[in-house]
Amino acid sequence: MKTWQLGLTTALGVLAVALVSAQIGLATSNRTLQGQVNQRQQYLQQSAQLEGLYREMVRALAERAASSGDEALRDLLARNGVSYSVHAPAATPALPAAEPAAARKPSR
């Protein structure tokens, strides 16, 4: 084997070892990142499942604060970005007065 051939094969061997090392490092890094993504995805899925419960809890707290006039509870909700307004209950519409029997026209 000539000197330049020995040098070329040695350089190719070193390059192959370097590429294998880089591949191992990237695969390890990829596995770590994939684990983090899986954890975040699981958190998002669990949060979506609990969203209805959280919404009901906030609604109940807002109703409680509005009905009792609890300022501390109102402030707690406001600090967490929840605002509400108190509306007076809607009045029921009056029923139309019934016509007297004598004023009705007979139907045929």
PDB file of N, CA and C in Angstrom:
ATOM      1  N   MET A   1       0.861  -1.165   0.000  1.00  0.00           N
ATOM      2  CA  MET A   1       0.000   0.000   0.000  1.00  0.00           C
ATOM      3  C   MET A   1       0.906   1.226   0.000  1.00  0.00           C
ATOM      4  N   LYS A   2       0.566   2.158  -0.832  1.00  0.00           N
ATOM      5  CA  LYS A   2       1.377   3.358  -0.953  1.00  0.00           C
ATOM      6  C   LYS A   2       1.039   4.318   0.181  1.00  0.00           C
ATOM      7  N   THR A   3       1.867   5.278   0.402  1.00  0.00           N
ATOM      8  CA  THR A   3       1.719   6.234   1.499  1.00  0.00           C
ATOM      9  C   THR A   3       0.436   7.063   1.351  1.00  0.00           C
ATOM     10  N   TRP A   4       0.174   7.521   0.141  1.00  0.00           N
ATOM     11  CA  TRP A   4      -1.022   8.354  -0.039  1.00  0.00           C
ATOM     12  C   TRP A   4      -2.297   7.537   0.149  1.00  0.00           C
ATOM     13  N   GLN A   5      -2.253   6.226  -0.206  1.00  0.00           N
ATOM     14  CA  GLN A   5      -3.410   5.363  -0.007  1.00  0.00           C
ATOM     15  C   GLN A   5      -3.649   5.133   1.488  1.00  0.00           C
ATOM     16  N   LEU A   6      -2.557   4.960   2.228  1.00  0.00           N
ATOM     17  CA  LEU A   6      -2.669   4.785   3.672  1.00  0.00           C
ATOM     18  C   LEU A   6      -3.256   6.039   4.308  1.00  0.00           C
ATOM     19  N   GLY A   7      -2.790   7.191   3.883  1.00  0.00           N
ATOM     20  CA  GLY A   7      -3.306   8.453   4.416  1.00  0.00           C
ATOM     21  C   GLY A   7      -4.773   8.650   4.079  1.00  0.00           C
ATOM     22  N   LEU A   8      -5.170   8.300   2.851  1.00  0.00           N
ATOM     23  CA  LEU A   8      -6.563   8.443   2.432  1.00  0.00           C
ATOM     24  C   LEU A   8      -7.480   7.516   3.213  1.00  0.00           C
ATOM     25  N   THR A   9      -7.087   6.253   3.374  1.00  0.00           N
ATOM     26  CA  THR A   9      -7.925   5.311   4.134  1.00  0.00           C
ATOM     27  C   THR A   9      -8.003   5.695   5.608  1.00  0.00           C
ATOM     28  N   THR A  10      -6.910   6.200   6.148  1.00  0.00           N
ATOM     29  CA  THR A  10      -6.922   6.667   7.541  1.00  0.00           C
ATOM     30  C   THR A  10      -7.878   7.857   7.690  1.00  0.00           C
ATOM     31  N   ALA A  11      -7.813   8.801   6.752  1.00  0.00           N
ATOM     32  CA  ALA A  11      -8.694   9.968   6.801  1.00  0.00           C
ATOM     33  C   ALA A  11     -10.153   9.554   6.649  1.00  0.00           C
ATOM     34  N   LEU A  12     -10.422   8.619   5.754  1.00  0.00           N
ATOM     35  CA  LEU A  12     -11.791   8.133   5.582  1.00  0.00           C
ATOM     36  C   LEU A  12     -12.287   7.401   6.836  1.00  0.00           C
ATOM     37  N   GLY A  13     -11.411   6.658   7.471  1.00  0.00           N
ATOM     38  CA  GLY A  13     -11.771   5.968   8.712  1.00  0.00           C
ATOM     39  C   GLY A  13     -12.101   6.962   9.826  1.00  0.00           C
ATOM     40  N   VAL A  14     -11.249   7.998   9.944  1.00  0.00           N
ATOM     41  CA  VAL A  14     -11.492   9.036  10.963  1.00  0.00           C
ATOM     42  C   VAL A  14     -12.810   9.749  10.675  1.00  0.00           C
ATOM     43  N   LEU A  15     -13.066  10.033   9.398  1.00  0.00           N
ATOM     44  CA  LEU A  15     -14.318  10.686   9.007  1.00  0.00           C
ATOM     45  C   LEU A  15     -15.522   9.807   9.336  1.00  0.00           C
ATOM     46  N   ALA A  16     -15.395   8.514   9.084  1.00  0.00           N
ATOM     47  CA  ALA A  16     -16.491   7.582   9.385  1.00  0.00           C
ATOM     48  C   ALA A  16     -16.768   7.539  10.884  1.00  0.00           C
ATOM     49  N   VAL A  17     -15.709   7.493  11.694  1.00  0.00           N
ATOM     50  CA  VAL A  17     -15.876   7.488  13.157  1.00  0.00           C
ATOM     51  C   VAL A  17     -16.529   8.791  13.618  1.00  0.00           C
ATOM     52  N   ALA A  18     -16.119   9.911  13.037  1.00  0.00           N
ATOM     53  CA  ALA A  18     -16.697  11.206  13.404  1.00  0.00           C
ATOM     54  C   ALA A  18     -18.179  11.262  13.034  1.00  0.00           C
ATOM     55  N   LEU A  19     -18.527  10.747  11.848  1.00  0.00           N
ATOM     56  CA  LEU A  19     -19.931  10.751  11.428  1.00  0.00           C
ATOM     57  C   LEU A  19     -20.790   9.837  12.296  1.00  0.00           C
ATOM     58  N   VAL A  20     -20.250   8.686  12.669  1.00  0.00           N
ATOM     59  CA  VAL A  20     -20.984   7.780  13.556  1.00  0.00           C
ATOM     60  C   VAL A  20     -21.193   8.441  14.925  1.00  0.00           C
ATOM     61  N   SER A  21     -20.166   9.117  15.430  1.00  0.00           N
ATOM     62  CA  SER A  21     -20.283   9.810  16.719  1.00  0.00           C
ATOM     63  C   SER A  21     -21.346  10.911  16.639  1.00  0.00           C
ATOM     64  N   ALA A  22     -21.333  11.665  15.539  1.00  0.00           N
ATOM     65  CA  ALA A  22     -22.335  12.717  15.360  1.00  0.00           C
ATOM     66  C   ALA A  22     -23.737  12.117  15.282  1.00  0.00           C
ATOM     67  N   GLN A  23     -23.868  10.991  14.583  1.00  0.00           N
ATOM     68  CA  GLN A  23     -25.163  10.320  14.466  1.00  0.00           C
ATOM     69  C   GLN A  23     -25.671   9.882  15.832  1.00  0.00           C
ATOM     70  N   ILE A  24     -24.803   9.328  16.644  1.00  0.00           N
ATOM     71  CA  ILE A  24     -25.196   8.886  17.985  1.00  0.00           C
ATOM     72  C   ILE A  24     -25.626  10.086  18.828  1.00  0.00           C
ATOM     73  N   GLY A  25     -24.867  11.170  18.749  1.00  0.00           N
ATOM     74  CA  GLY A  25     -25.227  12.373  19.511  1.00  0.00           C
ATOM     75  C   GLY A  25     -26.561  12.958  19.077  1.00  0.00           C
ATOM     76  N   LEU A  26     -26.781  13.028  17.774  1.00  0.00           N
ATOM     77  CA  LEU A  26     -28.050  13.564  17.269  1.00  0.00           C
ATOM     78  C   LEU A  26     -29.233  12.666  17.633  1.00  0.00           C
ATOM     79  N   ALA A  27     -29.045  11.361  17.576  1.00  0.00           N
ATOM     80  CA  ALA A  27     -30.118  10.431  17.935  1.00  0.00           C
ATOM     81  C   ALA A  27     -30.488  10.575  19.411  1.00  0.00           C
ATOM     82  N   THR A  28     -29.471  10.725  20.262  1.00  0.00           N
ATOM     83  CA  THR A  28     -29.724  10.913  21.703  1.00  0.00           C
ATOM     84  C   THR A  28     -30.466  12.220  21.946  1.00  0.00           C
ATOM     85  N   SER A  29     -30.011  13.277  21.283  1.00  0.00           N
ATOM     86  CA  SER A  29     -30.664  14.572  21.416  1.00  0.00           C
ATOM     87  C   SER A  29     -32.108  14.511  20.909  1.00  0.00           C
ATOM     88  N   ASN A  30     -32.326  13.829  19.812  1.00  0.00           N
ATOM     89  CA  ASN A  30     -33.661  13.691  19.244  1.00  0.00           C
ATOM     90  C   ASN A  30     -34.588  12.944  20.193  1.00  0.00           C
ATOM     91  N   ARG A  31     -34.086  11.886  20.825  1.00  0.00           N
ATOM     92  CA  ARG A  31     -34.882  11.128  21.792  1.00  0.00           C
ATOM     93  C   ARG A  31     -35.290  12.007  22.969  1.00  0.00           C
ATOM     94  N   THR A  32     -34.364  12.828  23.446  1.00  0.00           N
ATOM     95  CA  THR A  32     -34.654  13.721  24.570  1.00  0.00           C
ATOM     96  C   THR A  32     -35.729  14.740  24.184  1.00  0.00           C
ATOM     97  N   LEU A  33     -35.567  15.342  23.015  1.00  0.00           N
ATOM     98  CA  LEU A  33     -36.549  16.325  22.551  1.00  0.00           C
ATOM     99  C   LEU A  33     -37.914  15.685  22.308  1.00  0.00           C
ATOM    100  N   GLN A  34     -37.941  14.478  21.780  1.00  0.00           N
ATOM    101  CA  GLN A  34     -39.207  13.781  21.546  1.00  0.00           C
ATOM    102  C   GLN A  34     -39.913  13.495  22.870  1.00  0.00           C
ATOM    103  N   GLY A  35     -39.156  13.158  23.900  1.00  0.00           N
ATOM    104  CA  GLY A  35     -39.752  12.958  25.226  1.00  0.00           C
ATOM    105  C   GLY A  35     -40.387  14.229  25.752  1.00  0.00           C
ATOM    106  N   GLN A  36     -39.718  15.371  25.551  1.00  0.00           N
ATOM    107  CA  GLN A  36     -40.286  16.644  25.991  1.00  0.00           C
ATOM    108  C   GLN A  36     -41.564  16.976  25.222  1.00  0.00           C
ATOM    109  N   VAL A  37     -41.556  16.731  23.930  1.00  0.00           N
ATOM    110  CA  VAL A  37     -42.744  16.988  23.111  1.00  0.00           C
ATOM    111  C   VAL A  37     -43.901  16.099  23.572  1.00  0.00           C
ATOM    112  N   ASN A  38     -43.630  14.848  23.867  1.00  0.00           N
ATOM    113  CA  ASN A  38     -44.667  13.933  24.337  1.00  0.00           C
ATOM    114  C   ASN A  38     -45.252  14.395  25.660  1.00  0.00           C
ATOM    115  N   GLN A  39     -44.407  14.895  26.575  1.00  0.00           N
ATOM    116  CA  GLN A  39     -44.899  15.396  27.854  1.00  0.00           C
ATOM    117  C   GLN A  39     -45.806  16.608  27.653  1.00  0.00           C
ATOM    118  N   ARG A  40     -45.399  17.519  26.777  1.00  0.00           N
ATOM    119  CA  ARG A  40     -46.217  18.704  26.512  1.00  0.00           C
ATOM    120  C   ARG A  40     -47.538  18.329  25.859  1.00  0.00           C
ATOM    121  N   GLN A  41     -47.495  17.368  24.950  1.00  0.00           N
ATOM    122  CA  GLN A  41     -48.711  16.930  24.284  1.00  0.00           C
ATOM    123  C   GLN A  41     -49.672  16.286  25.291  1.00  0.00           C
ATOM    124  N   GLN A  42     -49.158  15.502  26.194  1.00  0.00           N
ATOM    125  CA  GLN A  42     -49.987  14.879  27.221  1.00  0.00           C
ATOM    126  C   GLN A  42     -50.609  15.948  28.115  1.00  0.00           C
ATOM    127  N   TYR A  43     -49.829  16.968  28.477  1.00  0.00           N
ATOM    128  CA  TYR A  43     -50.347  18.059  29.300  1.00  0.00           C
ATOM    129  C   TYR A  43     -51.488  18.779  28.582  1.00  0.00           C
ATOM    130  N   LEU A  44     -51.316  19.046  27.292  1.00  0.00           N
ATOM    131  CA  LEU A  44     -52.360  19.729  26.530  1.00  0.00           C
ATOM    132  C   LEU A  44     -53.626  18.887  26.432  1.00  0.00           C
ATOM    133  N   GLN A  45     -53.477  17.600  26.235  1.00  0.00           N
ATOM    134  CA  GLN A  45     -54.641  16.721  26.158  1.00  0.00           C
ATOM    135  C   GLN A  45     -55.381  16.678  27.487  1.00  0.00           C
ATOM    136  N   GLN A  46     -54.651  16.609  28.583  1.00  0.00           N
ATOM    137  CA  GLN A  46     -55.286  16.585  29.897  1.00  0.00           C
ATOM    138  C   GLN A  46     -55.946  17.921  30.199  1.00  0.00           C
ATOM    139  N   SER A  47     -55.324  19.014  29.779  1.00  0.00           N
ATOM    140  CA  SER A  47     -55.907  20.335  30.001  1.00  0.00           C
ATOM    141  C   SER A  47     -57.211  20.487  29.232  1.00  0.00           C
ATOM    142  N   ALA A  48     -57.245  19.978  28.013  1.00  0.00           N
ATOM    143  CA  ALA A  48     -58.459  20.061  27.203  1.00  0.00           C
ATOM    144  C   ALA A  48     -59.588  19.270  27.854  1.00  0.00           C
ATOM    145  N   GLN A  49     -59.265  18.144  28.464  1.00  0.00           N
ATOM    146  CA  GLN A  49     -60.281  17.336  29.126  1.00  0.00           C
ATOM    147  C   GLN A  49     -60.842  18.055  30.349  1.00  0.00           C
ATOM    148  N   LEU A  50     -60.016  18.851  31.014  1.00  0.00           N
ATOM    149  CA  LEU A  50     -60.441  19.536  32.239  1.00  0.00           C
ATOM    150  C   LEU A  50     -61.024  20.923  31.970  1.00  0.00           C
ATOM    151  N   GLU A  51     -60.999  21.382  30.727  1.00  0.00           N
ATOM    152  CA  GLU A  51     -61.444  22.742  30.422  1.00  0.00           C
ATOM    153  C   GLU A  51     -62.898  22.980  30.834  1.00  0.00           C
ATOM    154  N   GLY A  52     -63.773  22.029  30.570  1.00  0.00           N
ATOM    155  CA  GLY A  52     -65.175  22.173  30.957  1.00  0.00           C
ATOM    156  C   GLY A  52     -65.338  22.317  32.460  1.00  0.00           C
ATOM    157  N   LEU A  53     -64.602  21.514  33.202  1.00  0.00           N
ATOM    158  CA  LEU A  53     -64.654  21.588  34.666  1.00  0.00           C
ATOM    159  C   LEU A  53     -64.159  22.945  35.149  1.00  0.00           C
ATOM    160  N   TYR A  54     -63.050  23.425  34.578  1.00  0.00           N
ATOM    161  CA  TYR A  54     -62.502  24.722  34.978  1.00  0.00           C
ATOM    162  C   TYR A  54     -63.495  25.841  34.675  1.00  0.00           C
ATOM    163  N   ARG A  55     -64.132  25.757  33.510  1.00  0.00           N
ATOM    164  CA  ARG A  55     -65.102  26.783  33.118  1.00  0.00           C
ATOM    165  C   ARG A  55     -66.272  26.814  34.107  1.00  0.00           C
ATOM    166  N   GLU A  56     -66.755  25.642  34.493  1.00  0.00           N
ATOM    167  CA  GLU A  56     -67.858  25.577  35.456  1.00  0.00           C
ATOM    168  C   GLU A  56     -67.441  26.114  36.824  1.00  0.00           C
ATOM    169  N   MET A  57     -66.201  25.825  37.226  1.00  0.00           N
ATOM    170  CA  MET A  57     -65.708  26.325  38.514  1.00  0.00           C
ATOM    171  C   MET A  57     -65.637  27.855  38.503  1.00  0.00           C
ATOM    172  N   VAL A  58     -65.130  28.419  37.424  1.00  0.00           N
ATOM    173  CA  VAL A  58     -65.018  29.875  37.328  1.00  0.00           C
ATOM    174  C   VAL A  58     -66.405  30.501  37.300  1.00  0.00           C
ATOM    175  N   ARG A  59     -67.325  29.890  36.547  1.00  0.00           N
ATOM    176  CA  ARG A  59     -68.698  30.412  36.486  1.00  0.00           C
ATOM    177  C   ARG A  59     -69.340  30.394  37.871  1.00  0.00           C
ATOM    178  N   ALA A  60     -69.156  29.299  38.598  1.00  0.00           N
ATOM    179  CA  ALA A  60     -69.732  29.191  39.941  1.00  0.00           C
ATOM    180  C   ALA A  60     -69.113  30.234  40.884  1.00  0.00           C
ATOM    181  N   LEU A  61     -67.814  30.433  40.787  1.00  0.00           N
ATOM    182  CA  LEU A  61     -67.162  31.450  41.626  1.00  0.00           C
ATOM    183  C   LEU A  61     -67.660  32.848  41.288  1.00  0.00           C
ATOM    184  N   ALA A  62     -67.840  33.136  39.996  1.00  0.00           N
ATOM    185  CA  ALA A  62     -68.331  34.454  39.590  1.00  0.00           C
ATOM    186  C   ALA A  62     -69.765  34.657  40.069  1.00  0.00           C
ATOM    187  N   GLU A  63     -70.599  33.629  39.962  1.00  0.00           N
ATOM    188  CA  GLU A  63     -71.977  33.740  40.458  1.00  0.00           C
ATOM    189  C   GLU A  63     -71.988  33.971  41.960  1.00  0.00           C
ATOM    190  N   ARG A  64     -71.127  33.261  42.654  1.00  0.00           N
ATOM    191  CA  ARG A  64     -71.042  33.411  44.119  1.00  0.00           C
ATOM    192  C   ARG A  64     -70.595  34.825  44.479  1.00  0.00           C
ATOM    193  N   ALA A  65     -69.575  35.330  43.788  1.00  0.00           N
ATOM    194  CA  ALA A  65     -69.073  36.684  44.067  1.00  0.00           C
ATOM    195  C   ALA A  65     -70.139  37.717  43.757  1.00  0.00           C
ATOM    196  N   ALA A  66     -70.890  37.520  42.679  1.00  0.00           N
ATOM    197  CA  ALA A  66     -71.923  38.483  42.297  1.00  0.00           C
ATOM    198  C   ALA A  66     -73.096  38.445  43.268  1.00  0.00           C
ATOM    199  N   SER A  67     -73.513  37.265  43.672  1.00  0.00           N
ATOM    200  CA  SER A  67     -74.686  37.162  44.541  1.00  0.00           C
ATOM    201  C   SER A  67     -74.393  37.606  45.973  1.00  0.00           C
ATOM    202  N   SER A  68     -73.173  37.374  46.438  1.00  0.00           N
ATOM    203  CA  SER A  68     -72.860  37.724  47.821  1.00  0.00           C
ATOM    204  C   SER A  68     -72.144  39.063  47.944  1.00  0.00           C
ATOM    205  N   GLY A  69     -71.708  39.626  46.821  1.00  0.00           N
ATOM    206  CA  GLY A  69     -70.968  40.889  46.869  1.00  0.00           C
ATOM    207  C   GLY A  69     -69.594  40.725  47.487  1.00  0.00           C
ATOM    208  N   ASP A  70     -69.020  39.557  47.373  1.00  0.00           N
ATOM    209  CA  ASP A  70     -67.715  39.240  47.966  1.00  0.00           C
ATOM    210  C   ASP A  70     -66.606  39.943  47.172  1.00  0.00           C
ATOM    211  N   GLU A  71     -66.050  40.994  47.737  1.00  0.00           N
ATOM    212  CA  GLU A  71     -65.011  41.772  47.052  1.00  0.00           C
ATOM    213  C   GLU A  71     -63.706  40.989  46.923  1.00  0.00           C
ATOM    214  N   ALA A  72     -63.366  40.207  47.925  1.00  0.00           N
ATOM    215  CA  ALA A  72     -62.120  39.436  47.869  1.00  0.00           C
ATOM    216  C   ALA A  72     -62.178  38.420  46.735  1.00  0.00           C
ATOM    217  N   LEU A  73     -63.314  37.772  46.587  1.00  0.00           N
ATOM    218  CA  LEU A  73     -63.477  36.798  45.514  1.00  0.00           C
ATOM    219  C   LEU A  73     -63.488  37.490  44.149  1.00  0.00           C
ATOM    220  N   ARG A  74     -64.122  38.660  44.059  1.00  0.00           N
ATOM    221  CA  ARG A  74     -64.135  39.430  42.819  1.00  0.00           C
ATOM    222  C   ARG A  74     -62.706  39.833  42.442  1.00  0.00           C
ATOM    223  N   ASP A  75     -61.924  40.278  43.438  1.00  0.00           N
ATOM    224  CA  ASP A  75     -60.536  40.658  43.176  1.00  0.00           C
ATOM    225  C   ASP A  75     -59.699  39.457  42.737  1.00  0.00           C
ATOM    226  N   LEU A  76     -59.926  38.304  43.356  1.00  0.00           N
ATOM    227  CA  LEU A  76     -59.213  37.088  42.973  1.00  0.00           C
ATOM    228  C   LEU A  76     -59.505  36.742  41.512  1.00  0.00           C
ATOM    229  N   LEU A  77     -60.767  36.805  41.135  1.00  0.00           N
ATOM    230  CA  LEU A  77     -61.134  36.514  39.750  1.00  0.00           C
ATOM    231  C   LEU A  77     -60.528  37.548  38.802  1.00  0.00           C
ATOM    232  N   ALA A  78     -60.543  38.817  39.188  1.00  0.00           N
ATOM    233  CA  ALA A  78     -59.990  39.879  38.338  1.00  0.00           C
ATOM    234  C   ALA A  78     -58.483  39.701  38.152  1.00  0.00           C
ATOM    235  N   ARG A  79     -57.782  39.301  39.202  1.00  0.00           N
ATOM    236  CA  ARG A  79     -56.331  39.076  39.091  1.00  0.00           C
ATOM    237  C   ARG A  79     -56.011  37.959  38.111  1.00  0.00           C
ATOM    238  N   ASN A  80     -56.954  37.049  37.938  1.00  0.00           N
ATOM    239  CA  ASN A  80     -56.749  35.927  37.026  1.00  0.00           C
ATOM    240  C   ASN A  80     -57.432  36.143  35.681  1.00  0.00           C
ATOM    241  N   GLY A  81     -57.810  37.385  35.397  1.00  0.00           N
ATOM    242  CA  GLY A  81     -58.338  37.719  34.076  1.00  0.00           C
ATOM    243  C   GLY A  81     -59.802  37.412  33.866  1.00  0.00           C
ATOM    244  N   VAL A  82     -60.555  37.229  34.933  1.00  0.00           N
ATOM    245  CA  VAL A  82     -61.980  36.929  34.808  1.00  0.00           C
ATOM    246  C   VAL A  82     -62.769  38.152  35.255  1.00  0.00           C
ATOM    247  N   SER A  83     -63.626  38.641  34.374  1.00  0.00           N
ATOM    248  CA  SER A  83     -64.487  39.752  34.749  1.00  0.00           C
ATOM    249  C   SER A  83     -65.929  39.336  34.508  1.00  0.00           C
ATOM    250  N   TYR A  84     -66.826  39.942  35.226  1.00  0.00           N
ATOM    251  CA  TYR A  84     -68.244  39.622  35.083  1.00  0.00           C
ATOM    252  C   TYR A  84     -69.044  40.872  35.372  1.00  0.00           C
ATOM    253  N   SER A  85     -70.274  40.857  34.942  1.00  0.00           N
ATOM    254  CA  SER A  85     -71.180  41.966  35.253  1.00  0.00           C
ATOM    255  C   SER A  85     -72.472  41.376  35.792  1.00  0.00           C
ATOM    256  N   VAL A  86     -73.100  42.134  36.649  1.00  0.00           N
ATOM    257  CA  VAL A  86     -74.322  41.675  37.287  1.00  0.00           C
ATOM    258  C   VAL A  86     -75.492  42.288  36.523  1.00  0.00           C
ATOM    259  N   HIS A  87     -76.377  41.443  36.041  1.00  0.00           N
ATOM    260  CA  HIS A  87     -77.574  41.890  35.329  1.00  0.00           C
ATOM    261  C   HIS A  87     -78.780  41.650  36.215  1.00  0.00           C
ATOM    262  N   ALA A  88     -79.698  42.606  36.195  1.00  0.00           N
ATOM    263  CA  ALA A  88     -80.952  42.424  36.928  1.00  0.00           C
ATOM    264  C   ALA A  88     -81.754  41.342  36.221  1.00  0.00           C
ATOM    265  N   PRO A  89     -82.494  40.542  36.981  1.00  0.00           N
ATOM    266  CA  PRO A  89     -83.285  39.503  36.324  1.00  0.00           C
ATOM    267  C   PRO A  89     -84.312  40.137  35.396  1.00  0.00           C
ATOM    268  N   ALA A  90     -84.511  39.538  34.246  1.00  0.00           N
ATOM    269  CA  ALA A  90     -85.458  40.064  33.273  1.00  0.00           C
ATOM    270  C   ALA A  90     -86.870  39.907  33.792  1.00  0.00           C
ATOM    271  N   ALA A  91     -87.655  40.967  33.614  1.00  0.00           N
ATOM    272  CA  ALA A  91     -89.043  40.921  34.055  1.00  0.00           C
ATOM    273  C   ALA A  91     -89.825  40.035  33.097  1.00  0.00           C
ATOM    274  N   THR A  92     -90.752  39.277  33.652  1.00  0.00           N
ATOM    275  CA  THR A  92     -91.567  38.427  32.795  1.00  0.00           C
ATOM    276  C   THR A  92     -92.603  39.300  32.105  1.00  0.00           C
ATOM    277  N   PRO A  93     -92.824  39.119  30.818  1.00  0.00           N
ATOM    278  CA  PRO A  93     -93.792  39.958  30.119  1.00  0.00           C
ATOM    279  C   PRO A  93     -95.196  39.688  30.618  1.00  0.00           C
ATOM    280  N   ALA A  94     -95.976  40.744  30.679  1.00  0.00           N
ATOM    281  CA  ALA A  94     -97.353  40.616  31.162  1.00  0.00           C
ATOM    282  C   ALA A  94     -98.173  39.889  30.108  1.00  0.00           C
ATOM    283  N   LEU A  95     -99.070  39.042  30.573  1.00  0.00           N
ATOM    284  CA  LEU A  95     -99.947  38.326  29.654  1.00  0.00           C
ATOM    285  C   LEU A  95    -101.038  39.281  29.182  1.00  0.00           C
ATOM    286  N   PRO A  96    -101.474  39.222  27.924  1.00  0.00           N
ATOM    287  CA  PRO A  96    -102.552  40.107  27.471  1.00  0.00           C
ATOM    288  C   PRO A  96    -103.833  39.784  28.214  1.00  0.00           C
ATOM    289  N   ALA A  97    -104.570  40.833  28.488  1.00  0.00           N
ATOM    290  CA  ALA A  97    -105.832  40.649  29.223  1.00  0.00           C
ATOM    291  C   ALA A  97    -106.806  39.863  28.352  1.00  0.00           C
ATOM    292  N   ALA A  98    -107.513  38.976  28.972  1.00  0.00           N
ATOM    293  CA  ALA A  98    -108.489  38.169  28.241  1.00  0.00           C
ATOM    294  C   ALA A  98    -109.702  39.027  27.902  1.00  0.00           C
ATOM    295  N   GLU A  99    -110.260  38.836  26.718  1.00  0.00           N
ATOM    296  CA  GLU A  99    -111.461  39.576  26.313  1.00  0.00           C
ATOM    297  C   GLU A  99    -112.663  39.028  27.065  1.00  0.00           C
ATOM    298  N   PRO A 100    -113.561  39.901  27.409  1.00  0.00           N
ATOM    299  CA  PRO A 100    -114.785  39.383  28.033  1.00  0.00           C
ATOM    300  C   PRO A 100    -115.555  38.513  27.043  1.00  0.00           C
ATOM    301  N   ALA A 101    -116.284  37.581  27.535  1.00  0.00           N
ATOM    302  CA  ALA A 101    -117.004  36.625  26.695  1.00  0.00           C
ATOM    303  C   ALA A 101    -117.992  37.320  25.772  1.00  0.00           C
ATOM    304  N   ALA A 102    -118.602  38.412  26.220  1.00  0.00           N
ATOM    305  CA  ALA A 102    -119.613  39.101  25.416  1.00  0.00           C
ATOM    306  C   ALA A 102    -118.971  39.815  24.226  1.00  0.00           C
ATOM    307  N   ALA A 103    -117.689  40.220  24.324  1.00  0.00           N
ATOM    308  CA  ALA A 103    -117.032  40.978  23.273  1.00  0.00           C
ATOM    309  C   ALA A 103    -116.499  40.068  22.172  1.00  0.00           C
ATOM    310  N   ARG A 104    -116.399  38.781  22.442  1.00  0.00           N
ATOM    311  CA  ARG A 104    -115.890  37.858  21.431  1.00  0.00           C
ATOM    312  C   ARG A 104    -116.923  37.611  20.360  1.00  0.00           C
ATOM    313  N   LYS A 105    -116.450  37.484  19.139  1.00  0.00           N
ATOM    314  CA  LYS A 105    -117.354  37.140  18.043  1.00  0.00           C
ATOM    315  C   LYS A 105    -117.479  35.638  17.957  1.00  0.00           C
ATOM    316  N   PRO A 106    -118.630  35.164  17.735  1.00  0.00           N
ATOM    317  CA  PRO A 106    -118.760  33.692  17.599  1.00  0.00           C
ATOM    318  C   PRO A 106    -118.088  33.213  16.330  1.00  0.00           C
ATOM    319  N   SER A 107    -117.436  32.113  16.398  1.00  0.00           N
ATOM    320  CA  SER A 107    -116.779  31.551  15.225  1.00  0.00           C
ATOM    321  C   SER A 107    -117.693  30.558  14.551  1.00  0.00           C
ATOM    322  N   ARG A 108    -117.633  30.507  13.241  1.00  0.00           N
ATOM    323  CA  ARG A 108    -118.520  29.600  12.499  1.00  0.00           C
ATOM    324  C   ARG A 108    -117.788  28.443  11.994  1.00  0.00           C
TER     325      ARG A 108
END
